[in-house]
Amino acid sequence: MAACSRCATIPSTRRRCLAHGIAPIDLLVVNLYPFEATVAKGAGYDDCIENIDIGGPAMIRAAAKNHADVAVVVEAGDYARVLDELEANDGATTLTLRRRLAAKAYARTAAYDAAISNWFAAQIGEATPAFRAVGGTLAEAMRYGENPHQTAAFYKNGDNRPGVATARQLQGKELSYNNINDTDAALNCIAEFDPRAHRRRRHHQARQPLRRGRRREPEVDAYEKALRLRSRLGLRRHRRAQPHARRRSRARRSSRSSPR
């Protein structure tokens, strides 16, 4: 048993702590129950409920509120930094570090609660809950956002659906904001096709090309129509742009040849 440093400054509390040999707390390290990982692996309802941490978030929030005296650590990636400060400051931490850790602590419990509330909404079939929380874990800080002057970051929320968030990049530089948006949109579009139709299509191509009159898959027809439409629209834009370019070129030539 221990008391937080702020409570230990109250005279009556300090006397009781001294009487019982209770030292004040100046460091709290908490690893929450792995609720997100439990959901991601497809565990049953009871297992997910069992992995909802109760005391952990309460202690984290209390320590973060008292960050003037208490350092709270919620991620193993911060262990080295905290140890370096303890060594450099004779067993103490700086207020700057404690503020950063407190901010991360509140963000962690918020993301944790968001995962729980969204999972509960899905379990009861509530598509539009009264409160909708969104949380995630930083996966990558982008070079820039949709435009070069904007900032962006890529967060994962723990969903195990196929997509960019669960894919593994094999080579090349890190993806940009637009790369991720476009790739995820393309994957969602592909997912609307019947996988069996694609397999049959590949099977036909492997053995012999599709002949006219052979039954074609509706998804393949839709895809090829979209490609043809895109090609036609591109040609029209090109044809419209050519006269405009010629008019501008003639205007420039006439302006150069006109008498001054």
Foldseek 3Di string as FASTA:
>chain_A
DAAAPVQCVPVVSVVVCVVVVHYHAAEEEDEAQPLLVCVQVPHDPVVSVVRHGDVRLVVLLVQLVVLVRHAYAHDPVCPVVVVVQCVVPVHHHDSVNSNVRSVVSVLVVQLSVQLVVVVVCVVVVNPDDPDHGDHFAWDAWACAAPDNVHTDTDTDSSHNDDAPVPDDDDDDDDDHNVRRVVRRVVVVVVVVDDVVLVVVQVVCVVPHPDDPPPDHDPVVVVVVVVVVVVVVVVVVVVVVVVVVVVVVVVVVVCVVPDDD
